[in-house]
Amino acid sequence: MTALGFAHGAYSSGWFGFERPDDRQVVTWGALNGVPVEITLDTGVDRTVIDAATAARCGIAALGDTVSVGLTGRVEGRTSGPVHLQLQNLAITMREASLFDLGALSAINGRPVGVVLGNDLFGRAAVSFDFGADRMLVAEPSTLMPHPGFAEIPLTREPELGRLLIPASLGKGVALEAVADLGNDAPLYMSAEFAAQHRLLEGRPLSRSMSVGAEGVGVDTVFTLPSLEVGGVVLRQVPTRIPSSWTAKAPAVIGLPIFARFDLTFCAPRDRLWMKAPARRIARPFGKDRSGLAVTRAGDRLEIAFVAPRSPASRVGLRPGDAITSVNGQILDGGFLANRPRLGARAGGARLALGLADGRAVSLILADYY
């Protein structure tokens, strides 16, 4: 059982800030059993997840074994006893949490992932996000008032696991209900079965991409969907991933890069989502990789973990295991790497001069390859 309480008889937290590092996740700050921690907010998670190393630092002991079902597979971990999380003036007391090794997720994000907070918050409160100002507010659901100018979207629940589902449409009569997942850094995840059923891959450039989650490392098929309607708004040229395995009952997952185009309020206790679409954010093109490289930090270098087929990186002969030591003449010291560089995020036609640990110099020209 989880209990929520605002200090001093308040009914809301008031607005407070968050970060969106590389648009991968929503991160805010709080205290776990009195120890300062970063908190990742994730509507796709049921029980709160704590990194095993963070749990040890906060004096939280493992009591038993547990298995969590993610979107692409199962994850084995441990359970804890009661934990206390403080978020601004909101106290969240949980009977138990899940303890997992989130080291791989921290490595790919370039920063520690300590606590992942999901249904223990979203299932009991109304949570508003102002993505224009990167601020949020938590309130008692009973105090929620109508949102002028916002579209009111009914939410349903995925069978068994109870994840929140939002209606969407791909056009041409293809409607679906998708998991609403703030913790997913892909705009759209989709099952291979659904994509094949609706022939979504036919005639489109395809490639592969490495993904990392609590379930481990996977390789996804990637393509660009022409349009997706959600919240009454049509989004164009949506990068989409199809993982090799799929456990969700829903055929798709809508992630943070889509939700961050709106201002919104999740109110799972009332099965409602309010969404407002500022025109400037809706019109902005989606970010996508144009290099074909997936890299991890290894000391003062970036080690190539994956090279996408038919990508600019594959065409210049880069391979997994190659180590990058400089970019455009800049040595990859701690200051450069602290900014979590995304080598393929610039526009097509941009040139990257890469220096490799084996002495090679490679000129990589970014381009759309899917």
Protein backbone atom coordinates (compact mmCIF):
# COMPACT_ATOMS: atom_id res chain seq x y z
CA MET A 1 0.00 0.00 0.00
CA THR A 2 1.23 3.52 -0.84
CA ALA A 3 0.31 6.65 1.12
CA LEU A 4 0.66 10.24 -0.17
CA GLY A 5 0.54 13.34 2.00
CA PHE A 6 1.21 17.04 1.41
CA ALA A 7 2.82 19.06 4.19
CA HIS A 8 0.93 21.67 6.21
CA GLY A 9 -2.52 20.56 5.00
CA ALA A 10 -1.84 21.58 1.39
CA TYR A 11 -3.64 20.00 -1.56
CA SER A 12 -0.81 20.39 -4.06
CA SER A 13 2.93 20.68 -4.30
CA GLY A 14 2.96 23.98 -6.20
CA TRP A 15 5.03 24.21 -9.36
CA PHE A 16 8.60 22.90 -9.22
CA GLY A 17 11.25 22.19 -11.82
CA PHE A 18 12.50 19.15 -13.68
CA GLU A 19 15.10 18.37 -16.33
CA ARG A 20 14.85 16.48 -19.62
CA PRO A 21 18.43 15.34 -20.31
CA ASP A 22 18.64 14.70 -24.07
CA ASP A 23 14.83 14.32 -24.08
CA ARG A 24 15.37 10.79 -22.76
CA GLN A 25 13.44 11.13 -19.48
CA VAL A 26 11.86 13.53 -17.00
CA VAL A 27 14.14 13.88 -13.97
CA THR A 28 13.47 15.77 -10.75
CA TRP A 29 14.98 15.74 -7.27
CA GLY A 30 13.97 14.51 -3.85
CA ALA A 31 15.13 12.39 -0.94
CA LEU A 32 14.94 8.62 -0.45
CA ASN A 33 14.95 7.68 3.25
CA GLY A 34 16.47 11.13 3.82
CA VAL A 35 19.26 10.77 1.24
CA PRO A 36 19.20 13.17 -1.79
CA VAL A 37 18.44 11.36 -5.07
CA GLU A 38 17.46 12.04 -8.66
CA ILE A 39 13.98 10.74 -9.48
CA THR A 40 12.97 9.65 -12.98
CA LEU A 41 9.22 9.90 -13.63
CA ASP A 42 7.74 7.03 -15.64
CA THR A 43 4.03 6.38 -16.23
CA GLY A 44 4.91 2.93 -17.61
CA VAL A 45 6.18 1.60 -14.26
CA ASP A 46 3.92 0.02 -11.63
CA ARG A 47 5.95 -0.40 -8.44
CA THR A 48 8.74 2.09 -7.75
CA VAL A 49 12.14 0.89 -8.99
CA ILE A 50 15.35 1.69 -7.11
CA ASP A 51 18.81 1.03 -8.49
CA ALA A 52 20.51 -1.59 -6.31
CA ALA A 53 23.55 0.60 -5.65
CA THR A 54 21.33 3.57 -4.76
CA ALA A 55 19.32 1.38 -2.39
CA ALA A 56 22.49 0.33 -0.58
CA ARG A 57 23.58 3.99 -0.29
CA CYS A 58 20.19 4.84 1.26
CA GLY A 59 20.30 1.95 3.73
CA ILE A 60 17.61 -0.09 1.97
CA ALA A 61 18.05 -3.86 2.29
CA ALA A 62 16.84 -6.50 -0.18
CA LEU A 63 14.29 -8.88 1.35
CA GLY A 64 13.23 -11.23 -1.43
CA ASP A 65 13.16 -11.96 -5.15
CA THR A 66 10.82 -10.40 -7.71
CA VAL A 67 10.17 -10.41 -11.45
CA SER A 68 8.96 -7.38 -13.38
CA VAL A 69 7.35 -7.55 -16.83
CA GLY A 70 8.58 -4.79 -19.11
CA LEU A 71 7.48 -3.89 -22.62
CA THR A 72 9.97 -6.25 -24.26
CA GLY A 73 10.74 -8.86 -21.61
CA ARG A 74 11.01 -9.88 -17.98
CA VAL A 75 13.48 -8.49 -15.43
CA GLU A 76 14.63 -10.28 -12.30
CA GLY A 77 15.40 -8.28 -9.18
CA ARG A 78 14.81 -8.02 -5.44
CA THR A 79 12.16 -6.45 -3.24
CA SER A 80 12.63 -4.09 -0.31
CA GLY A 81 10.72 -3.29 2.82
CA PRO A 82 9.01 0.09 3.40
CA VAL A 83 10.66 3.14 1.85
CA HIS A 84 9.99 6.85 2.19
CA LEU A 85 10.33 9.26 -0.72
CA GLN A 86 10.12 13.03 -0.29
CA LEU A 87 9.26 15.07 -3.39
CA GLN A 88 9.01 18.79 -2.63
CA ASN A 89 6.32 19.01 0.09
CA LEU A 90 4.87 15.62 -0.91
CA ALA A 91 5.69 12.57 1.20
CA ILE A 92 5.27 9.16 -0.46
CA THR A 93 5.46 6.14 1.83
CA MET A 94 5.58 2.78 0.06
CA ARG A 95 5.21 -0.63 1.63
CA GLU A 96 7.84 -1.99 -0.74
CA ALA A 97 9.84 -1.18 -3.87
CA SER A 98 11.67 -3.17 -6.54
CA LEU A 99 15.47 -3.20 -6.55
CA PHE A 100 17.18 -3.70 -9.94
CA ASP A 101 20.64 -3.17 -11.36
CA LEU A 102 20.16 -0.07 -13.52
CA GLY A 103 23.85 0.28 -14.37
CA ALA A 104 23.40 -0.35 -18.12
CA LEU A 105 20.60 2.22 -18.26
CA SER A 106 22.77 4.74 -16.42
CA ALA A 107 25.66 4.14 -18.84
CA ILE A 108 23.60 4.73 -21.98
CA ASN A 109 21.95 7.84 -20.43
CA GLY A 110 25.31 9.25 -19.36
CA ARG A 111 24.06 9.92 -15.81
CA PRO A 112 22.97 7.77 -12.85
CA VAL A 113 19.41 6.47 -12.77
CA GLY A 114 18.67 6.10 -9.06
CA VAL A 115 14.89 6.01 -8.55
CA VAL A 116 12.14 5.41 -11.12
CA LEU A 117 8.75 6.58 -9.81
CA GLY A 118 5.60 5.42 -11.58
CA ASN A 119 2.19 4.27 -10.39
CA ASP A 120 2.98 5.02 -6.73
CA LEU A 121 2.65 8.67 -7.81
CA PHE A 122 0.60 8.70 -11.01
CA GLY A 123 -1.94 6.16 -9.74
CA ARG A 124 -2.83 8.33 -6.74
CA ALA A 125 -2.41 11.96 -7.78
CA ALA A 126 -3.03 14.42 -10.61
CA VAL A 127 0.34 15.28 -12.16
CA SER A 128 0.63 18.31 -14.47
CA PHE A 129 3.55 19.05 -16.80
CA ASP A 130 4.40 22.40 -18.38
CA PHE A 131 6.97 21.31 -20.97
CA GLY A 132 7.44 24.87 -22.17
CA ALA A 133 8.95 25.86 -18.82
CA ASP A 134 10.10 22.41 -17.62
CA ARG A 135 8.04 22.54 -14.46
CA MET A 136 5.47 20.22 -12.88
CA LEU A 137 2.78 20.15 -10.20
CA VAL A 138 1.32 17.31 -8.12
CA ALA A 139 -2.21 17.70 -6.72
CA GLU A 140 -5.01 15.81 -5.00
CA PRO A 141 -7.28 14.41 -7.78
CA SER A 142 -10.39 15.73 -6.02
CA THR A 143 -9.16 19.33 -6.44
CA LEU A 144 -8.71 19.10 -10.20
CA MET A 145 -10.66 21.75 -12.11
CA PRO A 146 -11.58 21.87 -15.84
CA HIS A 147 -8.68 22.78 -18.13
CA PRO A 148 -9.79 25.56 -20.54
CA GLY A 149 -8.21 25.09 -23.95
CA PHE A 150 -7.14 21.52 -23.19
CA ALA A 151 -8.50 18.40 -24.91
CA GLU A 152 -9.90 15.91 -22.40
CA ILE A 153 -8.81 12.39 -23.34
CA PRO A 154 -10.34 9.30 -21.70
CA LEU A 155 -7.76 6.77 -20.56
CA THR A 156 -8.27 3.02 -20.33
CA ARG A 157 -6.12 0.31 -18.75
CA GLU A 158 -4.05 -2.46 -20.26
CA PRO A 159 -5.36 -5.88 -19.15
CA GLU A 160 -3.48 -7.53 -16.28
CA LEU A 161 -0.67 -5.00 -15.79
CA GLY A 162 -3.00 -1.98 -15.76
CA ARG A 163 -0.75 0.43 -17.69
CA LEU A 164 -2.49 3.59 -18.91
CA LEU A 165 -3.70 3.50 -22.53
CA ILE A 166 -4.31 6.53 -24.74
CA PRO A 167 -6.29 6.45 -28.02
CA ALA A 168 -4.40 7.30 -31.22
CA SER A 169 -4.75 6.93 -34.98
CA LEU A 170 -2.35 6.28 -37.85
CA GLY A 171 -4.82 7.55 -40.44
CA LYS A 172 -6.64 5.53 -43.14
CA GLY A 173 -8.90 4.02 -40.48
CA VAL A 174 -6.07 2.53 -38.39
CA ALA A 175 -6.97 3.29 -34.76
CA LEU A 176 -5.21 1.90 -31.72
CA GLU A 177 -4.77 2.26 -27.98
CA ALA A 178 -1.15 2.84 -26.95
CA VAL A 179 0.58 2.65 -23.59
CA ALA A 180 1.24 6.19 -22.30
CA ASP A 181 4.87 5.95 -21.22
CA LEU A 182 6.71 9.09 -20.08
CA GLY A 183 9.74 6.93 -19.34
CA ASN A 184 10.21 5.83 -22.94
CA ASP A 185 12.71 7.90 -24.95
CA ALA A 186 11.34 6.77 -28.34
CA PRO A 187 8.44 8.76 -29.83
CA LEU A 188 6.67 5.55 -30.80
CA TYR A 189 7.26 1.87 -30.06
CA MET A 190 5.23 -0.69 -32.00
CA SER A 191 4.84 -4.46 -32.07
CA ALA A 192 6.08 -6.27 -35.18
CA GLU A 193 2.72 -8.05 -35.43
CA PHE A 194 0.78 -4.77 -35.59
CA ALA A 195 3.18 -3.27 -38.13
CA ALA A 196 2.90 -6.36 -40.35
CA GLN A 197 -0.89 -6.52 -40.01
CA HIS A 198 -1.23 -2.97 -41.33
CA ARG A 199 1.69 -3.23 -43.80
CA LEU A 200 3.38 -0.22 -42.26
CA LEU A 201 6.91 -1.15 -43.34
CA GLU A 202 6.22 -1.66 -47.01
CA GLY A 203 8.07 0.74 -49.28
CA ARG A 204 9.83 2.57 -46.42
CA PRO A 205 13.56 2.82 -45.65
CA LEU A 206 14.36 0.54 -42.70
CA SER A 207 17.36 0.11 -40.45
CA ARG A 208 18.28 -1.20 -37.00
CA SER A 209 19.10 0.55 -33.74
CA MET A 210 20.36 -0.51 -30.32
CA SER A 211 18.11 0.14 -27.33
CA VAL A 212 18.84 -0.19 -23.62
CA GLY A 213 16.29 -0.55 -20.84
CA ALA A 214 15.82 -2.34 -17.55
CA GLU A 215 15.17 -5.49 -19.62
CA GLY A 216 18.70 -5.26 -21.06
CA VAL A 217 20.18 -4.43 -24.46
CA GLY A 218 18.12 -5.05 -27.59
CA VAL A 219 18.24 -4.33 -31.31
CA ASP A 220 15.13 -2.72 -32.85
CA THR A 221 13.92 -2.20 -36.38
CA VAL A 222 13.53 1.54 -37.02
CA PHE A 223 11.49 3.43 -39.61
CA THR A 224 9.65 6.76 -39.95
CA LEU A 225 5.85 6.78 -39.72
CA PRO A 226 4.26 9.46 -41.96
CA SER A 227 1.65 10.58 -39.41
CA LEU A 228 0.23 9.89 -35.97
CA GLU A 229 -2.84 11.55 -34.47
CA VAL A 230 -2.95 11.88 -30.68
CA GLY A 231 -4.80 14.35 -28.48
CA GLY A 232 -6.64 15.65 -31.55
CA VAL A 233 -3.34 16.73 -33.17
CA VAL A 234 -1.61 15.21 -36.19
CA LEU A 235 2.15 14.73 -35.83
CA ARG A 236 4.26 14.22 -38.96
CA GLN A 237 7.32 12.08 -39.71
CA VAL A 238 7.41 10.18 -36.42
CA PRO A 239 10.52 8.01 -35.78
CA THR A 240 9.27 4.55 -34.76
CA ARG A 241 10.94 1.50 -33.21
CA ILE A 242 9.92 -2.15 -33.46
CA PRO A 243 11.66 -4.32 -30.83
CA SER A 244 12.48 -7.95 -31.50
CA SER A 245 10.24 -9.10 -28.62
CA TRP A 246 6.96 -7.68 -27.30
CA THR A 247 5.12 -8.53 -24.07
CA ALA A 248 2.59 -5.69 -23.90
CA LYS A 249 -1.07 -6.38 -24.65
CA ALA A 250 -1.32 -3.00 -26.37
CA PRO A 251 0.12 -2.78 -29.92
CA ALA A 252 2.11 0.41 -29.37
CA VAL A 253 3.73 2.73 -26.83
CA ILE A 254 3.78 6.54 -27.02
CA GLY A 255 6.87 8.01 -25.39
CA LEU A 256 8.27 11.23 -23.97
CA PRO A 257 9.26 12.92 -27.29
CA ILE A 258 5.55 13.01 -28.21
CA PHE A 259 4.18 13.97 -24.80
CA ALA A 260 6.78 16.76 -24.47
CA ARG A 261 5.11 18.53 -27.42
CA PHE A 262 2.04 19.11 -25.25
CA ASP A 263 1.23 20.63 -21.89
CA LEU A 264 -0.69 17.96 -20.03
CA THR A 265 -2.18 16.62 -16.82
CA PHE A 266 -2.27 12.91 -16.05
CA CYS A 267 -5.08 12.00 -13.67
CA ALA A 268 -5.10 8.23 -13.56
CA PRO A 269 -7.47 8.07 -10.55
CA ARG A 270 -10.10 9.68 -12.79
CA ASP A 271 -8.93 7.89 -15.97
CA ARG A 272 -8.36 11.20 -17.73
CA LEU A 273 -5.56 13.00 -19.53
CA TRP A 274 -5.78 16.69 -20.45
CA MET A 275 -3.61 17.80 -23.38
CA LYS A 276 -2.89 21.18 -24.98
CA ALA A 277 -0.74 21.54 -28.09
CA PRO A 278 1.31 24.76 -28.48
CA ALA A 279 1.72 25.19 -32.26
CA ARG A 280 5.46 25.88 -32.16
CA ARG A 281 6.16 22.56 -30.42
CA ILE A 282 3.87 20.52 -32.66
CA ALA A 283 5.52 21.87 -35.83
CA ARG A 284 9.07 21.16 -34.64
CA PRO A 285 10.63 18.16 -36.44
CA PHE A 286 11.37 15.11 -34.31
CA GLY A 287 14.95 14.49 -33.39
CA LYS A 288 16.47 11.36 -34.85
CA ASP A 289 19.87 9.79 -35.22
CA ARG A 290 21.62 10.50 -38.53
CA SER A 291 24.92 8.78 -37.78
CA GLY A 292 24.05 5.12 -37.20
CA LEU A 293 26.21 4.99 -34.07
CA ALA A 294 25.31 3.80 -30.58
CA VAL A 295 28.12 4.62 -28.17
CA THR A 296 28.92 4.19 -24.49
CA ARG A 297 31.41 6.14 -22.42
CA ALA A 298 34.62 4.27 -21.59
CA GLY A 299 36.95 6.58 -19.66
CA ASP A 300 37.91 9.54 -21.87
CA ARG A 301 36.59 8.00 -25.05
CA LEU A 302 33.37 6.84 -26.66
CA GLU A 303 33.28 3.15 -27.48
CA ILE A 304 31.08 2.13 -30.41
CA ALA A 305 28.58 -0.49 -29.22
CA PHE A 306 26.47 -0.77 -32.40
CA VAL A 307 26.52 0.38 -36.02
CA ALA A 308 23.21 0.58 -37.90
CA PRO A 309 23.00 -1.14 -41.29
CA ARG A 310 22.94 1.19 -44.33
CA SER A 311 23.81 4.16 -42.13
CA PRO A 312 26.52 6.78 -42.67
CA ALA A 313 28.64 5.05 -39.99
CA SER A 314 28.45 1.68 -41.73
CA ARG A 315 29.35 3.25 -45.10
CA VAL A 316 32.64 4.63 -43.75
CA GLY A 317 33.63 1.33 -42.17
CA LEU A 318 33.07 1.98 -38.47
CA ARG A 319 32.56 -1.17 -36.40
CA PRO A 320 31.51 -2.13 -32.84
CA GLY A 321 34.54 -1.99 -30.59
CA ASP A 322 36.09 1.02 -32.32
CA ALA A 323 36.85 3.81 -29.82
CA ILE A 324 36.40 7.51 -30.64
CA THR A 325 38.95 9.82 -28.98
CA SER A 326 38.20 13.13 -30.72
CA VAL A 327 35.33 14.84 -32.56
CA ASN A 328 36.01 17.70 -34.97
CA GLY A 329 39.47 18.09 -33.48
CA GLN A 330 38.29 18.25 -29.87
CA ILE A 331 39.79 15.67 -27.54
CA LEU A 332 37.11 13.81 -25.60
CA ASP A 333 37.98 14.92 -22.09
CA GLY A 334 35.66 14.87 -19.08
CA GLY A 335 34.19 18.28 -19.88
CA PHE A 336 33.18 17.24 -23.40
CA LEU A 337 31.69 13.93 -22.25
CA ALA A 338 29.82 15.53 -19.33
CA ASN A 339 27.52 17.14 -21.92
CA ARG A 340 26.42 13.65 -23.06
CA PRO A 341 27.12 14.28 -26.75
CA ARG A 342 24.69 12.77 -29.27
CA LEU A 343 26.83 12.44 -32.37
CA GLY A 344 23.98 11.93 -34.80
CA ALA A 345 21.59 14.62 -33.57
CA ARG A 346 22.61 17.37 -36.02
CA ALA A 347 20.97 18.00 -39.39
CA GLY A 348 21.71 15.95 -42.47
CA GLY A 349 24.82 17.10 -44.32
CA ALA A 350 26.75 17.98 -41.15
CA ARG A 351 30.25 16.53 -41.14
CA LEU A 352 31.94 14.85 -38.15
CA ALA A 353 35.70 14.38 -38.19
CA LEU A 354 36.27 11.44 -35.85
CA GLY A 355 39.65 10.47 -34.45
CA LEU A 356 39.90 6.82 -33.40
CA ALA A 357 42.08 5.16 -30.79
CA ASP A 358 43.74 2.99 -33.46
CA GLY A 359 45.01 6.11 -35.26
CA ARG A 360 42.41 6.29 -38.03
CA ALA A 361 40.74 9.57 -38.98
CA VAL A 362 37.18 9.13 -40.29
CA SER A 363 35.00 11.76 -41.97
CA LEU A 364 31.33 11.00 -41.27
CA ILE A 365 28.59 12.94 -43.09
CA LEU A 366 25.24 12.78 -41.30
CA ALA A 367 22.20 11.74 -43.33
CA ASP A 368 18.70 10.33 -42.93
CA TYR A 369 18.97 6.57 -43.37
CA TYR A 370 15.47 5.55 -42.23
